[in-house]
Amino acid sequence: MIHQTWKETSTIKKVKCIHTDAKKYMVNRVLTEGKTYEVKNETEEFLFVLDNSGKIGGFYKEYFEEVE
């Protein structure tokens, strides 16, 4: 049940949202283009970030680019 403590865990890296043009889902409600987000967990296909709603959400990596 690692997902229950993601908010308190340290940030892995930071990413910037480059677009919210989703084919299937409405990600523009919880992501803002140009905003930087903290990555709390990562898989091959998804990044789990603290989104605009204040909760952890899983999003395809195609919406982000890594920032330094």
PDB file of N, CA and C in Angstrom:
ATOM      1  N   MET A   1       0.812  -1.183   0.000  1.00  0.00           N
ATOM      2  CA  MET A   1       0.000   0.000   0.000  1.00  0.00           C
ATOM      3  C   MET A   1       0.863   1.257   0.000  1.00  0.00           C
ATOM      4  N   ILE A   2       1.881   1.244  -0.820  1.00  0.00           N
ATOM      5  CA  ILE A   2       2.825   2.357  -0.909  1.00  0.00           C
ATOM      6  C   ILE A   2       2.133   3.657  -1.341  1.00  0.00           C
ATOM      7  N   HIS A   3       1.055   3.557  -2.100  1.00  0.00           N
ATOM      8  CA  HIS A   3       0.369   4.749  -2.605  1.00  0.00           C
ATOM      9  C   HIS A   3      -0.202   5.615  -1.489  1.00  0.00           C
ATOM     10  N   GLN A   4      -0.395   5.066  -0.298  1.00  0.00           N
ATOM     11  CA  GLN A   4      -0.964   5.833   0.804  1.00  0.00           C
ATOM     12  C   GLN A   4       0.038   6.798   1.432  1.00  0.00           C
ATOM     13  N   THR A   5       1.326   6.598   1.180  1.00  0.00           N
ATOM     14  CA  THR A   5       2.341   7.476   1.775  1.00  0.00           C
ATOM     15  C   THR A   5       3.106   8.286   0.737  1.00  0.00           C
ATOM     16  N   TRP A   6       2.666   8.300  -0.514  1.00  0.00           N
ATOM     17  CA  TRP A   6       3.379   9.023  -1.563  1.00  0.00           C
ATOM     18  C   TRP A   6       3.495  10.507  -1.302  1.00  0.00           C
ATOM     19  N   LYS A   7       2.490  11.128  -0.713  1.00  0.00           N
ATOM     20  CA  LYS A   7       2.542  12.573  -0.449  1.00  0.00           C
ATOM     21  C   LYS A   7       3.695  12.935   0.474  1.00  0.00           C
ATOM     22  N   GLU A   8       3.994  12.071   1.426  1.00  0.00           N
ATOM     23  CA  GLU A   8       5.029  12.347   2.409  1.00  0.00           C
ATOM     24  C   GLU A   8       6.420  11.921   1.951  1.00  0.00           C
ATOM     25  N   THR A   9       6.513  11.110   0.909  1.00  0.00           N
ATOM     26  CA  THR A   9       7.820  10.635   0.453  1.00  0.00           C
ATOM     27  C   THR A   9       8.584  11.747  -0.257  1.00  0.00           C
ATOM     28  N   SER A  10       9.880  11.552  -0.363  1.00  0.00           N
ATOM     29  CA  SER A  10      10.711  12.564  -1.023  1.00  0.00           C
ATOM     30  C   SER A  10      10.450  12.562  -2.531  1.00  0.00           C
ATOM     31  N   THR A  11      10.713  13.688  -3.137  1.00  0.00           N
ATOM     32  CA  THR A  11      10.505  13.853  -4.568  1.00  0.00           C
ATOM     33  C   THR A  11      11.648  13.189  -5.332  1.00  0.00           C
ATOM     34  N   ILE A  12      11.304  12.385  -6.348  1.00  0.00           N
ATOM     35  CA  ILE A  12      12.308  11.709  -7.175  1.00  0.00           C
ATOM     36  C   ILE A  12      12.970  12.696  -8.126  1.00  0.00           C
ATOM     37  N   LYS A  13      12.131  13.479  -8.808  1.00  0.00           N
ATOM     38  CA  LYS A  13      12.593  14.492  -9.754  1.00  0.00           C
ATOM     39  C   LYS A  13      11.459  15.456 -10.008  1.00  0.00           C
ATOM     40  N   LYS A  14      11.739  16.496 -10.775  1.00  0.00           N
ATOM     41  CA  LYS A  14      10.700  17.459 -11.145  1.00  0.00           C
ATOM     42  C   LYS A  14      10.513  17.412 -12.654  1.00  0.00           C
ATOM     43  N   VAL A  15       9.267  17.559 -13.069  1.00  0.00           N
ATOM     44  CA  VAL A  15       8.928  17.550 -14.488  1.00  0.00           C
ATOM     45  C   VAL A  15       8.032  18.743 -14.793  1.00  0.00           C
ATOM     46  N   LYS A  16       8.071  19.162 -16.048  1.00  0.00           N
ATOM     47  CA  LYS A  16       7.254  20.278 -16.515  1.00  0.00           C
ATOM     48  C   LYS A  16       6.209  19.729 -17.470  1.00  0.00           C
ATOM     49  N   CYS A  17       4.977  20.141 -17.291  1.00  0.00           N
ATOM     50  CA  CYS A  17       3.888  19.719 -18.178  1.00  0.00           C
ATOM     51  C   CYS A  17       4.040  20.451 -19.508  1.00  0.00           C
ATOM     52  N   ILE A  18       4.151  19.700 -20.609  1.00  0.00           N
ATOM     53  CA  ILE A  18       4.348  20.327 -21.912  1.00  0.00           C
ATOM     54  C   ILE A  18       3.054  20.420 -22.726  1.00  0.00           C
ATOM     55  N   HIS A  19       2.055  19.591 -22.393  1.00  0.00           N
ATOM     56  CA  HIS A  19       0.745  19.712 -23.037  1.00  0.00           C
ATOM     57  C   HIS A  19      -0.304  18.947 -22.249  1.00  0.00           C
ATOM     58  N   THR A  20      -1.563  19.285 -22.486  1.00  0.00           N
ATOM     59  CA  THR A  20      -2.677  18.586 -21.846  1.00  0.00           C
ATOM     60  C   THR A  20      -3.658  18.090 -22.894  1.00  0.00           C
ATOM     61  N   ASP A  21      -3.164  17.829 -24.098  1.00  0.00           N
ATOM     62  CA  ASP A  21      -4.008  17.353 -25.199  1.00  0.00           C
ATOM     63  C   ASP A  21      -4.175  15.838 -25.103  1.00  0.00           C
ATOM     64  N   ALA A  22      -5.053  15.410 -24.237  1.00  0.00           N
ATOM     65  CA  ALA A  22      -5.289  13.983 -24.026  1.00  0.00           C
ATOM     66  C   ALA A  22      -6.317  13.477 -25.030  1.00  0.00           C
ATOM     67  N   LYS A  23      -6.098  12.266 -25.518  1.00  0.00           N
ATOM     68  CA  LYS A  23      -7.023  11.667 -26.481  1.00  0.00           C
ATOM     69  C   LYS A  23      -8.254  11.110 -25.792  1.00  0.00           C
ATOM     70  N   LYS A  24      -8.077  10.600 -24.579  1.00  0.00           N
ATOM     71  CA  LYS A  24      -9.147   9.870 -23.928  1.00  0.00           C
ATOM     72  C   LYS A  24      -9.641  10.511 -22.631  1.00  0.00           C
ATOM     73  N   TYR A  25      -8.745  11.138 -21.884  1.00  0.00           N
ATOM     74  CA  TYR A  25      -9.090  11.659 -20.568  1.00  0.00           C
ATOM     75  C   TYR A  25      -8.997  13.182 -20.540  1.00  0.00           C
ATOM     76  N   MET A  26      -9.596  13.801 -19.543  1.00  0.00           N
ATOM     77  CA  MET A  26      -9.570  15.262 -19.407  1.00  0.00           C
ATOM     78  C   MET A  26      -8.513  15.647 -18.382  1.00  0.00           C
ATOM     79  N   VAL A  27      -7.267  15.652 -18.793  1.00  0.00           N
ATOM     80  CA  VAL A  27      -6.183  15.963 -17.866  1.00  0.00           C
ATOM     81  C   VAL A  27      -6.024  17.457 -17.629  1.00  0.00           C
ATOM     82  N   ASN A  28      -6.635  18.289 -18.458  1.00  0.00           N
ATOM     83  CA  ASN A  28      -6.496  19.736 -18.273  1.00  0.00           C
ATOM     84  C   ASN A  28      -7.187  20.229 -17.001  1.00  0.00           C
ATOM     85  N   ARG A  29      -7.962  19.388 -16.355  1.00  0.00           N
ATOM     86  CA  ARG A  29      -8.588  19.758 -15.083  1.00  0.00           C
ATOM     87  C   ARG A  29      -7.614  19.650 -13.913  1.00  0.00           C
ATOM     88  N   VAL A  30      -6.591  18.809 -14.047  1.00  0.00           N
ATOM     89  CA  VAL A  30      -5.664  18.591 -12.931  1.00  0.00           C
ATOM     90  C   VAL A  30      -4.216  18.908 -13.272  1.00  0.00           C
ATOM     91  N   LEU A  31      -3.921  19.189 -14.530  1.00  0.00           N
ATOM     92  CA  LEU A  31      -2.581  19.593 -14.947  1.00  0.00           C
ATOM     93  C   LEU A  31      -2.657  20.933 -15.648  1.00  0.00           C
ATOM     94  N   THR A  32      -1.621  21.742 -15.485  1.00  0.00           N
ATOM     95  CA  THR A  32      -1.536  23.035 -16.154  1.00  0.00           C
ATOM     96  C   THR A  32      -0.300  23.036 -17.034  1.00  0.00           C
ATOM     97  N   GLU A  33      -0.497  23.351 -18.298  1.00  0.00           N
ATOM     98  CA  GLU A  33       0.623  23.406 -19.238  1.00  0.00           C
ATOM     99  C   GLU A  33       1.624  24.464 -18.790  1.00  0.00           C
ATOM    100  N   GLY A  34       2.910  24.085 -18.728  1.00  0.00           N
ATOM    101  CA  GLY A  34       3.959  24.993 -18.316  1.00  0.00           C
ATOM    102  C   GLY A  34       4.291  24.943 -16.835  1.00  0.00           C
ATOM    103  N   LYS A  35       3.474  24.294 -16.032  1.00  0.00           N
ATOM    104  CA  LYS A  35       3.708  24.203 -14.589  1.00  0.00           C
ATOM    105  C   LYS A  35       4.635  23.030 -14.277  1.00  0.00           C
ATOM    106  N   THR A  36       5.437  23.175 -13.220  1.00  0.00           N
ATOM    107  CA  THR A  36       6.359  22.132 -12.785  1.00  0.00           C
ATOM    108  C   THR A  36       5.719  21.316 -11.670  1.00  0.00           C
ATOM    109  N   TYR A  37       5.883  19.997 -11.751  1.00  0.00           N
ATOM    110  CA  TYR A  37       5.298  19.073 -10.776  1.00  0.00           C
ATOM    111  C   TYR A  37       6.368  18.188 -10.172  1.00  0.00           C
ATOM    112  N   GLU A  38       6.127  17.737  -8.946  1.00  0.00           N
ATOM    113  CA  GLU A  38       7.036  16.841  -8.241  1.00  0.00           C
ATOM    114  C   GLU A  38       6.640  15.397  -8.523  1.00  0.00           C
ATOM    115  N   VAL A  39       7.602  14.589  -8.955  1.00  0.00           N
ATOM    116  CA  VAL A  39       7.354  13.176  -9.231  1.00  0.00           C
ATOM    117  C   VAL A  39       7.587  12.387  -7.950  1.00  0.00           C
ATOM    118  N   LYS A  40       6.578  11.642  -7.527  1.00  0.00           N
ATOM    119  CA  LYS A  40       6.664  10.845  -6.308  1.00  0.00           C
ATOM    120  C   LYS A  40       6.954   9.373  -6.603  1.00  0.00           C
ATOM    121  N   ASN A  41       6.567   8.900  -7.787  1.00  0.00           N
ATOM    122  CA  ASN A  41       6.842   7.523  -8.191  1.00  0.00           C
ATOM    123  C   ASN A  41       6.814   7.472  -9.711  1.00  0.00           C
ATOM    124  N   GLU A  42       7.464   6.447 -10.270  1.00  0.00           N
ATOM    125  CA  GLU A  42       7.574   6.346 -11.722  1.00  0.00           C
ATOM    126  C   GLU A  42       7.548   4.881 -12.131  1.00  0.00           C
ATOM    127  N   THR A  43       6.859   4.596 -13.239  1.00  0.00           N
ATOM    128  CA  THR A  43       6.886   3.279 -13.857  1.00  0.00           C
ATOM    129  C   THR A  43       7.360   3.465 -15.294  1.00  0.00           C
ATOM    130  N   GLU A  44       7.363   2.401 -16.062  1.00  0.00           N
ATOM    131  CA  GLU A  44       7.797   2.516 -17.457  1.00  0.00           C
ATOM    132  C   GLU A  44       6.896   3.440 -18.261  1.00  0.00           C
ATOM    133  N   GLU A  45       5.613   3.460 -17.953  1.00  0.00           N
ATOM    134  CA  GLU A  45       4.645   4.204 -18.751  1.00  0.00           C
ATOM    135  C   GLU A  45       4.088   5.458 -18.073  1.00  0.00           C
ATOM    136  N   PHE A  46       4.096   5.481 -16.748  1.00  0.00           N
ATOM    137  CA  PHE A  46       3.439   6.550 -16.003  1.00  0.00           C
ATOM    138  C   PHE A  46       4.379   7.279 -15.054  1.00  0.00           C
ATOM    139  N   LEU A  47       4.006   8.552 -14.786  1.00  0.00           N
ATOM    140  CA  LEU A  47       4.606   9.336 -13.713  1.00  0.00           C
ATOM    141  C   LEU A  47       3.493   9.625 -12.714  1.00  0.00           C
ATOM    142  N   PHE A  48       3.789   9.476 -11.440  1.00  0.00           N
ATOM    143  CA  PHE A  48       2.823   9.777 -10.398  1.00  0.00           C
ATOM    144  C   PHE A  48       3.257  11.083  -9.751  1.00  0.00           C
ATOM    145  N   VAL A  49       2.451  12.127  -9.975  1.00  0.00           N
ATOM    146  CA  VAL A  49       2.808  13.472  -9.543  1.00  0.00           C
ATOM    147  C   VAL A  49       1.742  14.037  -8.608  1.00  0.00           C
ATOM    148  N   LEU A  50       2.146  15.032  -7.828  1.00  0.00           N
ATOM    149  CA  LEU A  50       1.214  15.783  -6.995  1.00  0.00           C
ATOM    150  C   LEU A  50       0.564  16.821  -7.904  1.00  0.00           C
ATOM    151  N   ASP A  51      -0.691  16.590  -8.302  1.00  0.00           N
ATOM    152  CA  ASP A  51      -1.337  17.437  -9.310  1.00  0.00           C
ATOM    153  C   ASP A  51      -2.037  18.648  -8.695  1.00  0.00           C
ATOM    154  N   ASN A  52      -2.757  19.410  -9.514  1.00  0.00           N
ATOM    155  CA  ASN A  52      -3.413  20.649  -9.077  1.00  0.00           C
ATOM    156  C   ASN A  52      -4.491  20.429  -8.028  1.00  0.00           C
ATOM    157  N   SER A  53      -5.039  19.218  -7.941  1.00  0.00           N
ATOM    158  CA  SER A  53      -6.075  18.932  -6.954  1.00  0.00           C
ATOM    159  C   SER A  53      -5.486  18.672  -5.566  1.00  0.00           C
ATOM    160  N   GLY A  54      -4.142  18.574  -5.487  1.00  0.00           N
ATOM    161  CA  GLY A  54      -3.494  18.296  -4.219  1.00  0.00           C
ATOM    162  C   GLY A  54      -3.365  16.819  -3.929  1.00  0.00           C
ATOM    163  N   LYS A  55      -3.726  15.986  -4.901  1.00  0.00           N
ATOM    164  CA  LYS A  55      -3.649  14.536  -4.743  1.00  0.00           C
ATOM    165  C   LYS A  55      -2.615  13.978  -5.711  1.00  0.00           C
ATOM    166  N   ILE A  56      -2.209  12.749  -5.471  1.00  0.00           N
ATOM    167  CA  ILE A  56      -1.274  12.074  -6.371  1.00  0.00           C
ATOM    168  C   ILE A  56      -2.064  11.493  -7.529  1.00  0.00           C
ATOM    169  N   GLY A  57      -1.638  11.801  -8.746  1.00  0.00           N
ATOM    170  CA  GLY A  57      -2.280  11.268  -9.938  1.00  0.00           C
ATOM    171  C   GLY A  57      -1.263  10.617 -10.841  1.00  0.00           C
ATOM    172  N   GLY A  58      -1.682   9.573 -11.541  1.00  0.00           N
ATOM    173  CA  GLY A  58      -0.813   8.889 -12.485  1.00  0.00           C
ATOM    174  C   GLY A  58      -1.111   9.362 -13.896  1.00  0.00           C
ATOM    175  N   PHE A  59      -0.083   9.814 -14.607  1.00  0.00           N
ATOM    176  CA  PHE A  59      -0.250  10.363 -15.945  1.00  0.00           C
ATOM    177  C   PHE A  59       0.792   9.773 -16.884  1.00  0.00           C
ATOM    178  N   TYR A  60       0.441   9.645 -18.161  1.00  0.00           N
ATOM    179  CA  TYR A  60       1.395   9.178 -19.157  1.00  0.00           C
ATOM    180  C   TYR A  60       2.591  10.117 -19.201  1.00  0.00           C
ATOM    181  N   LYS A  61       3.745   9.574 -19.456  1.00  0.00           N
ATOM    182  CA  LYS A  61       4.979  10.361 -19.512  1.00  0.00           C
ATOM    183  C   LYS A  61       4.976  11.361 -20.662  1.00  0.00           C
ATOM    184  N   GLU A  62       4.143  11.140 -21.672  1.00  0.00           N
ATOM    185  CA  GLU A  62       4.118  12.015 -22.847  1.00  0.00           C
ATOM    186  C   GLU A  62       3.680  13.445 -22.528  1.00  0.00           C
ATOM    187  N   TYR A  63       3.069  13.668 -21.368  1.00  0.00           N
ATOM    188  CA  TYR A  63       2.622  15.011 -20.987  1.00  0.00           C
ATOM    189  C   TYR A  63       3.737  15.845 -20.365  1.00  0.00           C
ATOM    190  N   PHE A  64       4.886  15.256 -20.102  1.00  0.00           N
ATOM    191  CA  PHE A  64       5.933  15.924 -19.329  1.00  0.00           C
ATOM    192  C   PHE A  64       7.288  15.903 -20.005  1.00  0.00           C
ATOM    193  N   GLU A  65       8.130  16.833 -19.561  1.00  0.00           N
ATOM    194  CA  GLU A  65       9.564  16.792 -19.872  1.00  0.00           C
ATOM    195  C   GLU A  65      10.293  17.065 -18.576  1.00  0.00           C
ATOM    196  N   GLU A  66      11.444  16.429 -18.427  1.00  0.00           N
ATOM    197  CA  GLU A  66      12.210  16.549 -17.194  1.00  0.00           C
ATOM    198  C   GLU A  66      12.907  17.902 -17.119  1.00  0.00           C
ATOM    199  N   VAL A  67      12.894  18.497 -15.929  1.00  0.00           N
ATOM    200  CA  VAL A  67      13.593  19.757 -15.699  1.00  0.00           C
ATOM    201  C   VAL A  67      14.715  19.519 -14.707  1.00  0.00           C
ATOM    202  N   GLU A  68      15.694  20.406 -14.721  1.00  0.00           N
ATOM    203  CA  GLU A  68      16.830  20.229 -13.813  1.00  0.00           C
ATOM    204  C   GLU A  68      16.856  21.247 -12.723  1.00  0.00           C
TER     205      GLU A  68
END
